[in-house]
Amino acid sequence: MKELLSELAKKSVTPIYTSRLLAAFEAEAGIGAAEPRARKPRPVRSLIEPLSERELLILRLIADGLSNQEIGSRLYLALSTVKGYIRNVFDKLQVKRRTEAVARARELGLL
């Protein structure tokens, strides 16, 4: 399965989805290996696509409790631009709400 996903990723077939699946295989390293490795404590999973500096800044402002309008005013951004950044942050963190984003970011050591 891993080989198939690698081939799909090379051919740019649904690259985001195949990247996520490959990351899951890497997280379960040792499956199918010739020699089983000693179990180590699992590190916190990292992001498939890291947050940009601007996205991290917006995430910090969300964690501080600022509204979209307040974030836009502070960063001199249009409300639609703020919403776009927040959508990107949510997608990268694989969450749907602000509280989930903050919790996930803390879990990953981003905040």
C-alpha atoms as a PDB file:
ATOM      1  CA  MET A   1       0.000   0.000   0.000  1.00  0.00           C
ATOM      2  CA  LYS A   2       2.840   2.362   0.865  1.00  0.00           C
ATOM      3  CA  GLU A   3       4.440   1.790  -2.543  1.00  0.00           C
ATOM      4  CA  LEU A   4       1.145   2.498  -4.293  1.00  0.00           C
ATOM      5  CA  LEU A   5       0.673   5.734  -2.366  1.00  0.00           C
ATOM      6  CA  SER A   6       4.244   6.774  -3.152  1.00  0.00           C
ATOM      7  CA  GLU A   7       3.572   6.258  -6.852  1.00  0.00           C
ATOM      8  CA  LEU A   8       0.357   8.281  -6.640  1.00  0.00           C
ATOM      9  CA  ALA A   9       2.195  11.103  -4.872  1.00  0.00           C
ATOM     10  CA  LYS A  10       4.870  11.142  -7.600  1.00  0.00           C
ATOM     11  CA  LYS A  11       2.170  11.473 -10.248  1.00  0.00           C
ATOM     12  CA  SER A  12       0.443  14.281  -8.298  1.00  0.00           C
ATOM     13  CA  VAL A  13      -2.763  12.291  -7.891  1.00  0.00           C
ATOM     14  CA  THR A  14      -4.614  13.982  -5.023  1.00  0.00           C
ATOM     15  CA  PRO A  15      -1.323  15.132  -3.470  1.00  0.00           C
ATOM     16  CA  ILE A  16      -2.750  16.368  -0.171  1.00  0.00           C
ATOM     17  CA  TYR A  17      -4.653  13.159   0.499  1.00  0.00           C
ATOM     18  CA  THR A  18      -1.791  10.873  -0.495  1.00  0.00           C
ATOM     19  CA  SER A  19       0.610  12.933   1.635  1.00  0.00           C
ATOM     20  CA  ARG A  20      -1.635  12.469   4.641  1.00  0.00           C
ATOM     21  CA  LEU A  21      -1.835   8.740   4.075  1.00  0.00           C
ATOM     22  CA  LEU A  22       1.931   8.459   3.653  1.00  0.00           C
ATOM     23  CA  ALA A  23       2.435  10.425   6.859  1.00  0.00           C
ATOM     24  CA  ALA A  24       0.220   7.899   8.625  1.00  0.00           C
ATOM     25  CA  PHE A  25       2.469   5.092   7.379  1.00  0.00           C
ATOM     26  CA  GLU A  26       5.553   6.947   8.606  1.00  0.00           C
ATOM     27  CA  ALA A  27       3.910   7.435  12.005  1.00  0.00           C
ATOM     28  CA  GLU A  28       3.505   3.667  12.214  1.00  0.00           C
ATOM     29  CA  ALA A  29       7.156   3.049  11.255  1.00  0.00           C
ATOM     30  CA  GLY A  30       8.261  -0.530  11.587  1.00  0.00           C
ATOM     31  CA  ILE A  31       5.152  -2.167  10.093  1.00  0.00           C
ATOM     32  CA  GLY A  32       6.356  -4.708   7.571  1.00  0.00           C
ATOM     33  CA  ALA A  33      10.007  -4.199   8.519  1.00  0.00           C
ATOM     34  CA  ALA A  34      12.297  -7.207   8.585  1.00  0.00           C
ATOM     35  CA  GLU A  35      13.314  -6.586  12.191  1.00  0.00           C
ATOM     36  CA  PRO A  36      10.872  -5.193  14.699  1.00  0.00           C
ATOM     37  CA  ARG A  37      12.226  -2.155  16.464  1.00  0.00           C
ATOM     38  CA  ALA A  38      11.970  -1.462  20.166  1.00  0.00           C
ATOM     39  CA  ARG A  39       8.962   0.721  20.939  1.00  0.00           C
ATOM     40  CA  LYS A  40       9.797   4.301  21.763  1.00  0.00           C
ATOM     41  CA  PRO A  41       7.349   6.822  23.109  1.00  0.00           C
ATOM     42  CA  ARG A  42       5.522   8.250  20.115  1.00  0.00           C
ATOM     43  CA  PRO A  43       6.415  11.827  19.330  1.00  0.00           C
ATOM     44  CA  VAL A  44       3.606  14.265  18.769  1.00  0.00           C
ATOM     45  CA  ARG A  45       2.645  14.100  15.116  1.00  0.00           C
ATOM     46  CA  SER A  46       3.879  16.997  13.090  1.00  0.00           C
ATOM     47  CA  LEU A  47       1.975  18.839  10.429  1.00  0.00           C
ATOM     48  CA  ILE A  48       2.064  17.639   6.850  1.00  0.00           C
ATOM     49  CA  GLU A  49       2.259  21.235   5.697  1.00  0.00           C
ATOM     50  CA  PRO A  50       3.713  23.682   8.235  1.00  0.00           C
ATOM     51  CA  LEU A  51       2.036  26.954   9.085  1.00  0.00           C
ATOM     52  CA  SER A  52       3.481  30.104   7.546  1.00  0.00           C
ATOM     53  CA  GLU A  53       4.695  32.942   9.773  1.00  0.00           C
ATOM     54  CA  ARG A  54       1.488  34.883   9.056  1.00  0.00           C
ATOM     55  CA  GLU A  55      -0.675  31.855   9.872  1.00  0.00           C
ATOM     56  CA  LEU A  56       1.221  31.379  13.152  1.00  0.00           C
ATOM     57  CA  LEU A  57       0.660  35.029  14.011  1.00  0.00           C
ATOM     58  CA  ILE A  58      -3.062  34.709  13.319  1.00  0.00           C
ATOM     59  CA  LEU A  59      -3.176  31.503  15.362  1.00  0.00           C
ATOM     60  CA  ARG A  60      -1.579  33.344  18.310  1.00  0.00           C
ATOM     61  CA  LEU A  61      -4.165  36.114  18.005  1.00  0.00           C
ATOM     62  CA  ILE A  62      -6.952  33.509  17.957  1.00  0.00           C
ATOM     63  CA  ALA A  63      -5.452  31.980  21.104  1.00  0.00           C
ATOM     64  CA  ASP A  64      -5.503  35.459  22.670  1.00  0.00           C
ATOM     65  CA  GLY A  65      -9.257  35.546  22.043  1.00  0.00           C
ATOM     66  CA  LEU A  66      -9.374  38.160  19.283  1.00  0.00           C
ATOM     67  CA  SER A  67     -12.286  38.153  16.855  1.00  0.00           C
ATOM     68  CA  ASN A  68     -11.794  38.077  13.083  1.00  0.00           C
ATOM     69  CA  GLN A  69     -12.539  41.812  12.955  1.00  0.00           C
ATOM     70  CA  GLU A  70      -9.991  42.543  15.698  1.00  0.00           C
ATOM     71  CA  ILE A  71      -7.352  40.440  13.944  1.00  0.00           C
ATOM     72  CA  GLY A  72      -8.015  42.294  10.694  1.00  0.00           C
ATOM     73  CA  SER A  73      -7.732  45.682  12.414  1.00  0.00           C
ATOM     74  CA  ARG A  74      -4.529  44.743  14.195  1.00  0.00           C
ATOM     75  CA  LEU A  75      -2.853  43.358  11.046  1.00  0.00           C
ATOM     76  CA  TYR A  76      -4.430  45.802   8.571  1.00  0.00           C
ATOM     77  CA  LEU A  77      -6.129  42.992   6.673  1.00  0.00           C
ATOM     78  CA  ALA A  78      -9.561  42.746   5.089  1.00  0.00           C
ATOM     79  CA  LEU A  79     -12.013  40.528   6.937  1.00  0.00           C
ATOM     80  CA  SER A  80     -12.152  38.137   3.971  1.00  0.00           C
ATOM     81  CA  THR A  81      -8.352  37.820   4.064  1.00  0.00           C
ATOM     82  CA  VAL A  82      -8.432  36.991   7.784  1.00  0.00           C
ATOM     83  CA  LYS A  83     -11.090  34.360   7.160  1.00  0.00           C
ATOM     84  CA  GLY A  84      -8.951  32.855   4.386  1.00  0.00           C
ATOM     85  CA  TYR A  85      -5.945  32.602   6.694  1.00  0.00           C
ATOM     86  CA  ILE A  86      -8.083  31.031   9.414  1.00  0.00           C
ATOM     87  CA  ARG A  87      -9.437  28.483   6.927  1.00  0.00           C
ATOM     88  CA  ASN A  88      -5.851  27.586   5.975  1.00  0.00           C
ATOM     89  CA  VAL A  89      -4.870  27.229   9.636  1.00  0.00           C
ATOM     90  CA  PHE A  90      -7.872  24.996  10.326  1.00  0.00           C
ATOM     91  CA  ASP A  91      -7.099  22.840   7.272  1.00  0.00           C
ATOM     92  CA  LYS A  92      -3.442  22.419   8.200  1.00  0.00           C
ATOM     93  CA  LEU A  93      -4.283  21.606  11.815  1.00  0.00           C
ATOM     94  CA  GLN A  94      -7.165  19.369  10.675  1.00  0.00           C
ATOM     95  CA  VAL A  95      -9.707  21.062  12.959  1.00  0.00           C
ATOM     96  CA  LYS A  96     -13.050  22.808  12.550  1.00  0.00           C
ATOM     97  CA  ARG A  97     -13.224  25.262  15.474  1.00  0.00           C
ATOM     98  CA  ARG A  98     -11.055  27.907  17.105  1.00  0.00           C
ATOM     99  CA  THR A  99     -10.875  26.008  20.395  1.00  0.00           C
ATOM    100  CA  GLU A 100      -9.766  22.856  18.581  1.00  0.00           C
ATOM    101  CA  ALA A 101      -7.131  24.840  16.665  1.00  0.00           C
ATOM    102  CA  VAL A 102      -5.685  26.291  19.862  1.00  0.00           C
ATOM    103  CA  ALA A 103      -5.668  22.896  21.595  1.00  0.00           C
ATOM    104  CA  ARG A 104      -4.030  21.192  18.584  1.00  0.00           C
ATOM    105  CA  ALA A 105      -1.434  23.981  18.277  1.00  0.00           C
ATOM    106  CA  ARG A 106      -0.544  23.569  21.957  1.00  0.00           C
ATOM    107  CA  GLU A 107      -0.305  19.795  21.484  1.00  0.00           C
ATOM    108  CA  LEU A 108       2.148  20.382  18.618  1.00  0.00           C
ATOM    109  CA  GLY A 109       4.135  22.983  20.554  1.00  0.00           C
ATOM    110  CA  LEU A 110       3.175  25.828  18.224  1.00  0.00           C
ATOM    111  CA  LEU A 111       1.800  27.955  21.065  1.00  0.00           C
END
